All heavy atoms as atom14 arrays in JSON, in Angstrom:
{
  "sequence": "ARFSVSRDGVLAYRTGESGSRLLWMNRAGQELGLEGDAGEINNPSLS",
  "atom14_mask": [
    [1, 1, 1, 1, 1, 0, 0, 0, 0, 0, 0, 0, 0, 0],
    [1, 1, 1, 1, 1, 1, 1, 1, 1, 1, 1, 0, 0, 0],
    [1, 1, 1, 1, 1, 1, 1, 1, 1, 1, 1, 0, 0, 0],
    [1, 1, 1, 1, 1, 1, 0, 0, 0, 0, 0, 0, 0, 0],
    [1, 1, 1, 1, 1, 1, 1, 0, 0, 0, 0, 0, 0, 0],
    [1, 1, 1, 1, 1, 1, 0, 0, 0, 0, 0, 0, 0, 0],
    [1, 1, 1, 1, 1, 1, 1, 1, 1, 1, 1, 0, 0, 0],
    [1, 1, 1, 1, 1, 1, 1, 1, 0, 0, 0, 0, 0, 0],
    [1, 1, 1, 1, 0, 0, 0, 0, 0, 0, 0, 0, 0, 0],
    [1, 1, 1, 1, 1, 1, 1, 0, 0, 0, 0, 0, 0, 0],
    [1, 1, 1, 1, 1, 1, 1, 1, 0, 0, 0, 0, 0, 0],
    [1, 1, 1, 1, 1, 0, 0, 0, 0, 0, 0, 0, 0, 0],
    [1, 1, 1, 1, 1, 1, 1, 1, 1, 1, 1, 1, 0, 0],
    [1, 1, 1, 1, 1, 1, 1, 1, 1, 1, 1, 0, 0, 0],
    [1, 1, 1, 1, 1, 1, 1, 0, 0, 0, 0, 0, 0, 0],
    [1, 1, 1, 1, 0, 0, 0, 0, 0, 0, 0, 0, 0, 0],
    [1, 1, 1, 1, 1, 1, 1, 1, 1, 0, 0, 0, 0, 0],
    [1, 1, 1, 1, 1, 1, 0, 0, 0, 0, 0, 0, 0, 0],
    [1, 1, 1, 1, 0, 0, 0, 0, 0, 0, 0, 0, 0, 0],
    [1, 1, 1, 1, 1, 1, 0, 0, 0, 0, 0, 0, 0, 0],
    [1, 1, 1, 1, 1, 1, 1, 1, 1, 1, 1, 0, 0, 0],
    [1, 1, 1, 1, 1, 1, 1, 1, 0, 0, 0, 0, 0, 0],
    [1, 1, 1, 1, 1, 1, 1, 1, 0, 0, 0, 0, 0, 0],
    [1, 1, 1, 1, 1, 1, 1, 1, 1, 1, 1, 1, 1, 1],
    [1, 1, 1, 1, 1, 1, 1, 1, 0, 0, 0, 0, 0, 0],
    [1, 1, 1, 1, 1, 1, 1, 1, 0, 0, 0, 0, 0, 0],
    [1, 1, 1, 1, 1, 1, 1, 1, 1, 1, 1, 0, 0, 0],
    [1, 1, 1, 1, 1, 0, 0, 0, 0, 0, 0, 0, 0, 0],
    [1, 1, 1, 1, 0, 0, 0, 0, 0, 0, 0, 0, 0, 0],
    [1, 1, 1, 1, 1, 1, 1, 1, 1, 0, 0, 0, 0, 0],
    [1, 1, 1, 1, 1, 1, 1, 1, 1, 0, 0, 0, 0, 0],
    [1, 1, 1, 1, 1, 1, 1, 1, 0, 0, 0, 0, 0, 0],
    [1, 1, 1, 1, 0, 0, 0, 0, 0, 0, 0, 0, 0, 0],
    [1, 1, 1, 1, 1, 1, 1, 1, 0, 0, 0, 0, 0, 0],
    [1, 1, 1, 1, 1, 1, 1, 1, 1, 0, 0, 0, 0, 0],
    [1, 1, 1, 1, 0, 0, 0, 0, 0, 0, 0, 0, 0, 0],
    [1, 1, 1, 1, 1, 1, 1, 1, 0, 0, 0, 0, 0, 0],
    [1, 1, 1, 1, 1, 0, 0, 0, 0, 0, 0, 0, 0, 0],
    [1, 1, 1, 1, 0, 0, 0, 0, 0, 0, 0, 0, 0, 0],
    [1, 1, 1, 1, 1, 1, 1, 1, 1, 0, 0, 0, 0, 0],
    [1, 1, 1, 1, 1, 1, 1, 1, 0, 0, 0, 0, 0, 0],
    [1, 1, 1, 1, 1, 1, 1, 1, 0, 0, 0, 0, 0, 0],
    [1, 1, 1, 1, 1, 1, 1, 1, 0, 0, 0, 0, 0, 0],
    [1, 1, 1, 1, 1, 1, 1, 0, 0, 0, 0, 0, 0, 0],
    [1, 1, 1, 1, 1, 1, 0, 0, 0, 0, 0, 0, 0, 0],
    [1, 1, 1, 1, 1, 1, 1, 1, 0, 0, 0, 0, 0, 0],
    [1, 1, 1, 1, 1, 1, 0, 0, 0, 0, 0, 0, 0, 0]
  ],
  "atom14_positions": [
    [[-37.35, -140.0, -67.97], [-36.46, -139.79, -66.83], [-35.03, -139.79, -67.33], [-34.68, -140.52, -68.26], [-36.66, -140.89, -65.77], [0.0, 0.0, 0.0], [0.0, 0.0, 0.0], [0.0, 0.0, 0.0], [0.0, 0.0, 0.0], [0.0, 0.0, 0.0], [0.0, 0.0, 0.0], [0.0, 0.0, 0.0], [0.0, 0.0, 0.0], [0.0, 0.0, 0.0]],
    [[-34.19, -138.97, -66.72], [-32.84, -138.77, -67.23], [-31.87, -139.81, -66.69], [-31.02, -139.53, -65.84], [-32.37, -137.37, -66.86], [-33.13, -136.26, -67.57], [-32.67, -134.91, -67.09], [-33.31, -133.84, -67.85], [-33.21, -132.55, -67.55], [-32.51, -132.18, -66.49], [-33.8, -131.64, -68.29], [0.0, 0.0, 0.0], [0.0, 0.0, 0.0], [0.0, 0.0, 0.0]],
    [[-32.01, -141.02, -67.17], [-31.03, -142.06, -66.85], [-31.0, -143.08, -67.98], [-31.96, -143.22, -68.75], [-31.35, -142.74, -65.52], [-32.47, -143.74, -65.58], [-32.23, -145.08, -65.87], [-33.78, -143.34, -65.36], [-33.27, -146.0, -65.93], [-34.83, -144.26, -65.42], [-34.56, -145.59, -65.71], [0.0, 0.0, 0.0], [0.0, 0.0, 0.0], [0.0, 0.0, 0.0]],
    [[-29.88, -143.79, -68.07], [-29.73, -144.87, -69.05], [-28.71, -145.85, -68.5], [-27.74, -145.45, -67.85], [-29.25, -144.31, -70.4], [-29.15, -145.34, -71.36], [0.0, 0.0, 0.0], [0.0, 0.0, 0.0], [0.0, 0.0, 0.0], [0.0, 0.0, 0.0], [0.0, 0.0, 0.0], [0.0, 0.0, 0.0], [0.0, 0.0, 0.0], [0.0, 0.0, 0.0]],
    [[-28.95, -147.13, -68.73], [-28.05, -148.16, -68.2], [-27.74, -149.15, -69.32], [-28.6, -149.49, -70.13], [-28.68, -148.86, -66.98], [-29.97, -149.59, -67.35], [-27.69, -149.8, -66.31], [0.0, 0.0, 0.0], [0.0, 0.0, 0.0], [0.0, 0.0, 0.0], [0.0, 0.0, 0.0], [0.0, 0.0, 0.0], [0.0, 0.0, 0.0], [0.0, 0.0, 0.0]],
    [[-26.48, -149.6, -69.35], [-26.06, -150.56, -70.37], [-26.14, -151.97, -69.83], [-26.33, -152.2, -68.64], [-24.62, -150.25, -70.81], [-23.71, -150.65, -69.81], [0.0, 0.0, 0.0], [0.0, 0.0, 0.0], [0.0, 0.0, 0.0], [0.0, 0.0, 0.0], [0.0, 0.0, 0.0], [0.0, 0.0, 0.0], [0.0, 0.0, 0.0], [0.0, 0.0, 0.0]],
    [[-25.96, -152.94, -70.74], [-26.0, -154.35, -70.34], [-24.7, -154.78, -69.67], [-24.64, -155.87, -69.1], [-26.25, -155.22, -71.57], [-27.61, -154.98, -72.23], [-28.73, -155.64, -71.46], [-30.06, -155.25, -71.95], [-31.11, -156.03, -71.9], [-31.01, -157.25, -71.41], [-32.28, -155.6, -72.32], [0.0, 0.0, 0.0], [0.0, 0.0, 0.0], [0.0, 0.0, 0.0]],
    [[-23.64, -153.97, -69.76], [-22.37, -154.38, -69.18], [-21.98, -153.55, -67.96], [-20.8, -153.38, -67.65], [-21.25, -154.33, -70.22], [-21.1, -152.96, -70.85], [-21.88, -152.05, -70.48], [-20.21, -152.79, -71.69], [0.0, 0.0, 0.0], [0.0, 0.0, 0.0], [0.0, 0.0, 0.0], [0.0, 0.0, 0.0], [0.0, 0.0, 0.0], [0.0, 0.0, 0.0]],
    [[-22.98, -152.98, -67.25], [-22.71, -152.38, -65.95], [-22.38, -150.91, -65.93], [-21.86, -150.42, -64.92], [0.0, 0.0, 0.0], [0.0, 0.0, 0.0], [0.0, 0.0, 0.0], [0.0, 0.0, 0.0], [0.0, 0.0, 0.0], [0.0, 0.0, 0.0], [0.0, 0.0, 0.0], [0.0, 0.0, 0.0], [0.0, 0.0, 0.0], [0.0, 0.0, 0.0]],
    [[-22.68, -150.15, -67.0], [-22.44, -148.71, -66.99], [-23.77, -147.98, -66.85], [-24.72, -148.25, -67.59], [-21.73, -148.26, -68.29], [-21.5, -146.75, -68.27], [-20.4, -148.99, -68.44], [0.0, 0.0, 0.0], [0.0, 0.0, 0.0], [0.0, 0.0, 0.0], [0.0, 0.0, 0.0], [0.0, 0.0, 0.0], [0.0, 0.0, 0.0], [0.0, 0.0, 0.0]],
    [[-23.82, -147.05, -65.9], [-25.02, -146.27, -65.63], [-24.72, -144.79, -65.88], [-23.67, -144.29, -65.45], [-25.48, -146.47, -64.18], [-26.57, -145.54, -63.65], [-27.9, -145.81, -64.36], [-26.74, -145.71, -62.14], [0.0, 0.0, 0.0], [0.0, 0.0, 0.0], [0.0, 0.0, 0.0], [0.0, 0.0, 0.0], [0.0, 0.0, 0.0], [0.0, 0.0, 0.0]],
    [[-25.62, -144.1, -66.56], [-25.5, -142.66, -66.76], [-26.79, -142.0, -66.27], [-27.88, -142.5, -66.52], [-25.27, -142.34, -68.24], [0.0, 0.0, 0.0], [0.0, 0.0, 0.0], [0.0, 0.0, 0.0], [0.0, 0.0, 0.0], [0.0, 0.0, 0.0], [0.0, 0.0, 0.0], [0.0, 0.0, 0.0], [0.0, 0.0, 0.0], [0.0, 0.0, 0.0]],
    [[-26.65, -140.87, -65.57], [-27.84, -140.15, -65.12], [-27.53, -138.68, -64.94], [-26.37, -138.27, -64.82], [-28.4, -140.74, -63.82], [-27.5, -140.62, -62.61], [-27.47, -139.46, -61.83], [-26.67, -141.68, -62.23], [-26.65, -139.36, -60.73], [-25.85, -141.58, -61.12], [-25.85, -140.42, -60.38], [-25.03, -140.32, -59.28], [0.0, 0.0, 0.0], [0.0, 0.0, 0.0]],
    [[-28.59, -137.88, -64.94], [-28.46, -136.45, -64.69], [-29.47, -136.02, -63.66], [-30.64, -136.43, -63.7], [-28.67, -135.64, -65.98], [-27.41, -135.39, -66.76], [-27.67, -134.61, -68.02], [-28.38, -133.37, -67.77], [-28.95, -132.66, -68.73], [-28.91, -133.08, -69.97], [-29.56, -131.53, -68.46], [0.0, 0.0, 0.0], [0.0, 0.0, 0.0], [0.0, 0.0, 0.0]],
    [[-29.03, -135.2, -62.73], [-29.91, -134.64, -61.71], [-30.34, -133.24, -62.13], [-29.9, -132.71, -63.15], [-29.2, -134.59, -60.35], [-28.04, -133.75, -60.47], [-28.77, -135.97, -59.91], [0.0, 0.0, 0.0], [0.0, 0.0, 0.0], [0.0, 0.0, 0.0], [0.0, 0.0, 0.0], [0.0, 0.0, 0.0], [0.0, 0.0, 0.0], [0.0, 0.0, 0.0]],
    [[-31.21, -132.64, -61.34], [-31.64, -131.27, -61.61], [-33.06, -131.2, -62.12], [-33.75, -132.2, -62.28], [0.0, 0.0, 0.0], [0.0, 0.0, 0.0], [0.0, 0.0, 0.0], [0.0, 0.0, 0.0], [0.0, 0.0, 0.0], [0.0, 0.0, 0.0], [0.0, 0.0, 0.0], [0.0, 0.0, 0.0], [0.0, 0.0, 0.0], [0.0, 0.0, 0.0]],
    [[-33.5, -129.99, -62.38], [-34.86, -129.75, -62.82], [-35.06, -130.16, -64.27], [-34.14, -130.16, -65.08], [-35.21, -128.26, -62.67], [-35.21, -127.78, -61.23], [-36.23, -128.51, -60.37], [-37.34, -128.76, -60.86], [-35.91, -128.85, -59.23], [0.0, 0.0, 0.0], [0.0, 0.0, 0.0], [0.0, 0.0, 0.0], [0.0, 0.0, 0.0], [0.0, 0.0, 0.0]],
    [[-36.29, -130.52, -64.59], [-36.68, -130.76, -65.97], [-37.88, -129.87, -66.26], [-38.5, -129.33, -65.36], [-37.03, -132.24, -66.2], [-38.12, -132.6, -65.38], [0.0, 0.0, 0.0], [0.0, 0.0, 0.0], [0.0, 0.0, 0.0], [0.0, 0.0, 0.0], [0.0, 0.0, 0.0], [0.0, 0.0, 0.0], [0.0, 0.0, 0.0], [0.0, 0.0, 0.0]],
    [[-38.18, -129.7, -67.5], [-39.31, -128.84, -67.85], [-39.0, -128.04, -69.08], [-38.16, -128.42, -69.91], [0.0, 0.0, 0.0], [0.0, 0.0, 0.0], [0.0, 0.0, 0.0], [0.0, 0.0, 0.0], [0.0, 0.0, 0.0], [0.0, 0.0, 0.0], [0.0, 0.0, 0.0], [0.0, 0.0, 0.0], [0.0, 0.0, 0.0], [0.0, 0.0, 0.0]],
    [[-39.65, -126.9, -69.22], [-39.5, -126.08, -70.41], [-39.63, -124.61, -70.04], [-39.99, -124.25, -68.92], [-40.54, -126.48, -71.46], [-41.84, -126.45, -70.9], [0.0, 0.0, 0.0], [0.0, 0.0, 0.0], [0.0, 0.0, 0.0], [0.0, 0.0, 0.0], [0.0, 0.0, 0.0], [0.0, 0.0, 0.0], [0.0, 0.0, 0.0], [0.0, 0.0, 0.0]],
    [[-39.34, -123.77, -71.0], [-39.46, -122.32, -70.83], [-40.1, -121.74, -72.08], [-40.03, -122.33, -73.17], [-38.09, -121.7, -70.57], [-37.08, -122.03, -71.66], [-35.71, -121.47, -71.34], [-34.78, -121.78, -72.43], [-33.73, -121.04, -72.76], [-33.46, -119.95, -72.07], [-32.96, -121.38, -73.76], [0.0, 0.0, 0.0], [0.0, 0.0, 0.0], [0.0, 0.0, 0.0]],
    [[-40.72, -120.6, -71.93], [-41.33, -119.88, -73.05], [-40.32, -118.87, -73.57], [-39.95, -117.92, -72.87], [-42.6, -119.18, -72.59], [-43.74, -120.11, -72.15], [-44.81, -119.32, -71.38], [-44.37, -120.79, -73.35], [0.0, 0.0, 0.0], [0.0, 0.0, 0.0], [0.0, 0.0, 0.0], [0.0, 0.0, 0.0], [0.0, 0.0, 0.0], [0.0, 0.0, 0.0]],
    [[-39.86, -119.07, -74.81], [-38.78, -118.29, -75.38], [-39.26, -117.54, -76.62], [-39.72, -118.15, -77.58], [-37.61, -119.2, -75.74], [-36.41, -118.57, -76.44], [-35.72, -117.56, -75.53], [-35.43, -119.65, -76.89], [0.0, 0.0, 0.0], [0.0, 0.0, 0.0], [0.0, 0.0, 0.0], [0.0, 0.0, 0.0], [0.0, 0.0, 0.0], [0.0, 0.0, 0.0]],
    [[-39.11, -116.21, -76.61], [-39.43, -115.4, -77.77], [-38.25, -115.35, -78.73], [-37.11, -115.17, -78.32], [-39.78, -113.96, -77.36], [-41.14, -113.78, -76.77], [-41.43, -113.55, -75.47], [-42.39, -113.77, -77.48], [-42.79, -113.41, -75.29], [-43.4, -113.54, -76.52], [-42.73, -113.94, -78.81], [-44.75, -113.47, -76.87], [-44.08, -113.88, -79.16], [-45.06, -113.64, -78.2]],
    [[-38.53, -115.5, -80.04], [-37.5, -115.38, -81.07], [-38.08, -114.59, -82.24], [-39.3, -114.59, -82.47], [-37.03, -116.76, -81.54], [-36.45, -117.62, -80.44], [-35.7, -119.17, -81.03], [-34.2, -118.56, -81.77], [0.0, 0.0, 0.0], [0.0, 0.0, 0.0], [0.0, 0.0, 0.0], [0.0, 0.0, 0.0], [0.0, 0.0, 0.0], [0.0, 0.0, 0.0]],
    [[-37.2, -113.92, -82.99], [-37.66, -113.22, -84.19], [-37.4, -114.07, -85.42], [-36.89, -115.19, -85.33], [-37.02, -111.84, -84.3], [-35.5, -111.9, -84.47], [-34.93, -112.95, -84.79], [-34.85, -110.77, -84.24], [0.0, 0.0, 0.0], [0.0, 0.0, 0.0], [0.0, 0.0, 0.0], [0.0, 0.0, 0.0], [0.0, 0.0, 0.0], [0.0, 0.0, 0.0]],
    [[-37.73, -113.55, -86.58], [-37.63, -114.32, -87.82], [-36.18, -114.66, -88.18], [-35.93, -115.61, -88.92], [-38.25, -113.55, -88.98], [-39.76, -113.44, -88.89], [-40.31, -112.56, -90.01], [-40.21, -113.21, -91.31], [-41.21, -113.8, -91.94], [-42.41, -113.87, -91.37], [-41.05, -114.33, -93.14], [0.0, 0.0, 0.0], [0.0, 0.0, 0.0], [0.0, 0.0, 0.0]],
    [[-35.24, -113.91, -87.63], [-33.82, -114.17, -87.9], [-33.23, -115.19, -86.93], [-32.05, -115.52, -87.02], [-33.03, -112.87, -87.84], [0.0, 0.0, 0.0], [0.0, 0.0, 0.0], [0.0, 0.0, 0.0], [0.0, 0.0, 0.0], [0.0, 0.0, 0.0], [0.0, 0.0, 0.0], [0.0, 0.0, 0.0], [0.0, 0.0, 0.0], [0.0, 0.0, 0.0]],
    [[-34.05, -115.67, -86.0], [-33.56, -116.66, -85.04], [-32.88, -116.06, -83.83], [-32.23, -116.78, -83.07], [0.0, 0.0, 0.0], [0.0, 0.0, 0.0], [0.0, 0.0, 0.0], [0.0, 0.0, 0.0], [0.0, 0.0, 0.0], [0.0, 0.0, 0.0], [0.0, 0.0, 0.0], [0.0, 0.0, 0.0], [0.0, 0.0, 0.0], [0.0, 0.0, 0.0]],
    [[-33.03, -114.75, -83.62], [-32.44, -114.11, -82.45], [-33.37, -114.27, -81.25], [-34.58, -114.09, -81.35], [-32.21, -112.63, -82.72], [-31.22, -112.35, -83.84], [-31.2, -110.89, -84.24], [-32.24, -110.23, -84.33], [-30.0, -110.36, -84.46], [0.0, 0.0, 0.0], [0.0, 0.0, 0.0], [0.0, 0.0, 0.0], [0.0, 0.0, 0.0], [0.0, 0.0, 0.0]],
    [[-32.78, -114.62, -80.11], [-33.56, -114.75, -78.88], [-33.91, -113.36, -78.35], [-33.03, -112.52, -78.16], [-32.78, -115.56, -77.84], [-32.55, -117.0, -78.25], [-31.92, -117.84, -77.14], [-31.75, -117.3, -76.03], [-31.61, -119.02, -77.39], [0.0, 0.0, 0.0], [0.0, 0.0, 0.0], [0.0, 0.0, 0.0], [0.0, 0.0, 0.0], [0.0, 0.0, 0.0]],
    [[-35.19, -113.14, -78.09], [-35.67, -111.84, -77.65], [-35.94, -111.79, -76.16], [-36.12, -110.71, -75.6], [-36.94, -111.45, -78.42], [-36.81, -111.43, -79.94], [-38.16, -111.09, -80.56], [-35.73, -110.46, -80.39], [0.0, 0.0, 0.0], [0.0, 0.0, 0.0], [0.0, 0.0, 0.0], [0.0, 0.0, 0.0], [0.0, 0.0, 0.0], [0.0, 0.0, 0.0]],
    [[-35.98, -112.94, -75.51], [-36.24, -112.97, -74.07], [-37.22, -114.05, -73.68], [-37.88, -114.67, -74.53], [0.0, 0.0, 0.0], [0.0, 0.0, 0.0], [0.0, 0.0, 0.0], [0.0, 0.0, 0.0], [0.0, 0.0, 0.0], [0.0, 0.0, 0.0], [0.0, 0.0, 0.0], [0.0, 0.0, 0.0], [0.0, 0.0, 0.0], [0.0, 0.0, 0.0]],
    [[-37.31, -114.29, -72.39], [-38.19, -115.32, -71.85], [-39.53, -114.72, -71.43], [-39.61, -113.54, -71.12], [-37.54, -116.01, -70.65], [-36.23, -116.75, -70.92], [-35.64, -117.27, -69.62], [-36.44, -117.89, -71.91], [0.0, 0.0, 0.0], [0.0, 0.0, 0.0], [0.0, 0.0, 0.0], [0.0, 0.0, 0.0], [0.0, 0.0, 0.0], [0.0, 0.0, 0.0]],
    [[-40.55, -115.55, -71.41], [-41.88, -115.14, -70.98], [-42.3, -115.98, -69.78], [-42.48, -117.19, -69.9], [-42.88, -115.31, -72.12], [-44.24, -114.72, -71.85], [-44.22, -113.21, -71.76], [-43.82, -112.56, -72.75], [-44.6, -112.69, -70.68], [0.0, 0.0, 0.0], [0.0, 0.0, 0.0], [0.0, 0.0, 0.0], [0.0, 0.0, 0.0], [0.0, 0.0, 0.0]],
    [[-42.42, -115.36, -68.62], [-42.88, -116.06, -67.43], [-41.84, -117.01, -66.86], [-40.65, -116.94, -67.18], [0.0, 0.0, 0.0], [0.0, 0.0, 0.0], [0.0, 0.0, 0.0], [0.0, 0.0, 0.0], [0.0, 0.0, 0.0], [0.0, 0.0, 0.0], [0.0, 0.0, 0.0], [0.0, 0.0, 0.0], [0.0, 0.0, 0.0], [0.0, 0.0, 0.0]],
    [[-42.31, -117.91, -66.01], [-41.43, -118.85, -65.32], [-41.35, -120.18, -66.06], [-42.23, -120.52, -66.85], [-41.95, -119.1, -63.9], [-41.95, -117.84, -63.05], [-41.03, -117.02, -63.23], [-42.87, -117.68, -62.22], [0.0, 0.0, 0.0], [0.0, 0.0, 0.0], [0.0, 0.0, 0.0], [0.0, 0.0, 0.0], [0.0, 0.0, 0.0], [0.0, 0.0, 0.0]],
    [[-40.29, -120.91, -65.77], [-40.13, -122.25, -66.35], [-41.12, -123.21, -65.71], [-41.6, -123.0, -64.6], [-38.7, -122.74, -66.14], [0.0, 0.0, 0.0], [0.0, 0.0, 0.0], [0.0, 0.0, 0.0], [0.0, 0.0, 0.0], [0.0, 0.0, 0.0], [0.0, 0.0, 0.0], [0.0, 0.0, 0.0], [0.0, 0.0, 0.0], [0.0, 0.0, 0.0]],
    [[-41.43, -124.27, -66.39], [-42.34, -125.3, -65.9], [-42.56, -126.33, -66.98], [-41.99, -126.23, -68.06], [0.0, 0.0, 0.0], [0.0, 0.0, 0.0], [0.0, 0.0, 0.0], [0.0, 0.0, 0.0], [0.0, 0.0, 0.0], [0.0, 0.0, 0.0], [0.0, 0.0, 0.0], [0.0, 0.0, 0.0], [0.0, 0.0, 0.0], [0.0, 0.0, 0.0]],
    [[-43.41, -127.3, -66.69], [-43.74, -128.3, -67.71], [-44.93, -127.78, -68.5], [-46.08, -128.05, -68.2], [-44.02, -129.65, -67.07], [-43.85, -130.77, -68.05], [-43.75, -132.12, -67.38], [-43.13, -132.23, -66.32], [-44.3, -133.06, -67.96], [0.0, 0.0, 0.0], [0.0, 0.0, 0.0], [0.0, 0.0, 0.0], [0.0, 0.0, 0.0], [0.0, 0.0, 0.0]],
    [[-44.62, -127.0, -69.54], [-45.6, -126.21, -70.28], [-45.85, -126.85, -71.64], [-44.93, -127.34, -72.29], [-45.09, -124.77, -70.45], [-44.89, -124.11, -69.08], [-46.04, -123.95, -71.31], [-44.12, -122.82, -69.15], [0.0, 0.0, 0.0], [0.0, 0.0, 0.0], [0.0, 0.0, 0.0], [0.0, 0.0, 0.0], [0.0, 0.0, 0.0], [0.0, 0.0, 0.0]],
    [[-47.12, -126.81, -72.09], [-47.48, -127.35, -73.4], [-48.62, -126.54, -74.01], [-49.29, -125.75, -73.32], [-47.91, -128.81, -73.29], [-46.74, -129.76, -73.15], [-45.88, -129.83, -74.03], [-46.68, -130.48, -72.05], [0.0, 0.0, 0.0], [0.0, 0.0, 0.0], [0.0, 0.0, 0.0], [0.0, 0.0, 0.0], [0.0, 0.0, 0.0], [0.0, 0.0, 0.0]],
    [[-48.86, -126.76, -75.29], [-50.05, -126.26, -76.0], [-50.28, -124.76, -75.87], [-51.35, -124.32, -75.44], [-51.3, -127.02, -75.51], [-51.15, -128.51, -75.6], [-50.78, -129.04, -76.63], [-51.43, -129.2, -74.5], [0.0, 0.0, 0.0], [0.0, 0.0, 0.0], [0.0, 0.0, 0.0], [0.0, 0.0, 0.0], [0.0, 0.0, 0.0], [0.0, 0.0, 0.0]],
    [[-49.32, -123.92, -76.23], [-49.53, -122.47, -76.12], [-50.56, -121.97, -77.12], [-50.68, -122.49, -78.23], [-48.14, -121.9, -76.43], [-47.52, -122.92, -77.34], [-48.01, -124.25, -76.83], [0.0, 0.0, 0.0], [0.0, 0.0, 0.0], [0.0, 0.0, 0.0], [0.0, 0.0, 0.0], [0.0, 0.0, 0.0], [0.0, 0.0, 0.0], [0.0, 0.0, 0.0]],
    [[-51.32, -120.95, -76.72], [-52.32, -120.36, -77.6], [-52.38, -118.86, -77.32], [-52.66, -118.45, -76.19], [-53.69, -121.0, -77.35], [-54.7, -120.38, -78.12], [0.0, 0.0, 0.0], [0.0, 0.0, 0.0], [0.0, 0.0, 0.0], [0.0, 0.0, 0.0], [0.0, 0.0, 0.0], [0.0, 0.0, 0.0], [0.0, 0.0, 0.0], [0.0, 0.0, 0.0]],
    [[-52.13, -118.04, -78.35], [-52.22, -116.59, -78.23], [-53.63, -116.12, -78.55], [-54.25, -116.61, -79.49], [-51.24, -115.91, -79.19], [-49.79, -115.74, -78.75], [-48.95, -115.22, -79.91], [-49.68, -114.81, -77.56], [0.0, 0.0, 0.0], [0.0, 0.0, 0.0], [0.0, 0.0, 0.0], [0.0, 0.0, 0.0], [0.0, 0.0, 0.0], [0.0, 0.0, 0.0]],
    [[-54.13, -115.17, -77.79], [-55.41, -114.55, -78.13], [-55.25, -113.77, -79.44], [-54.14, -113.4, -79.83], [-55.86, -113.62, -77.01], [-54.91, -112.57, -76.82], [0.0, 0.0, 0.0], [0.0, 0.0, 0.0], [0.0, 0.0, 0.0], [0.0, 0.0, 0.0], [0.0, 0.0, 0.0], [0.0, 0.0, 0.0], [0.0, 0.0, 0.0], [0.0, 0.0, 0.0]]
  ]
}
C-alpha cells in the first residue's frame, strides 16, 4: 500500500490507481507501444 509513516509524526501517502501495464520494447530499449489494458498482471506467456 502506498503509505509510510515516521516515528515523529510525518505521514506520506499517494492516491490513485496501482497495477501494471504490458509494454513492448526492442533490443535497443525503445518503447514500441502498450498491449491491452492496465491491471494487476503477472506471469506472461507467449504461445
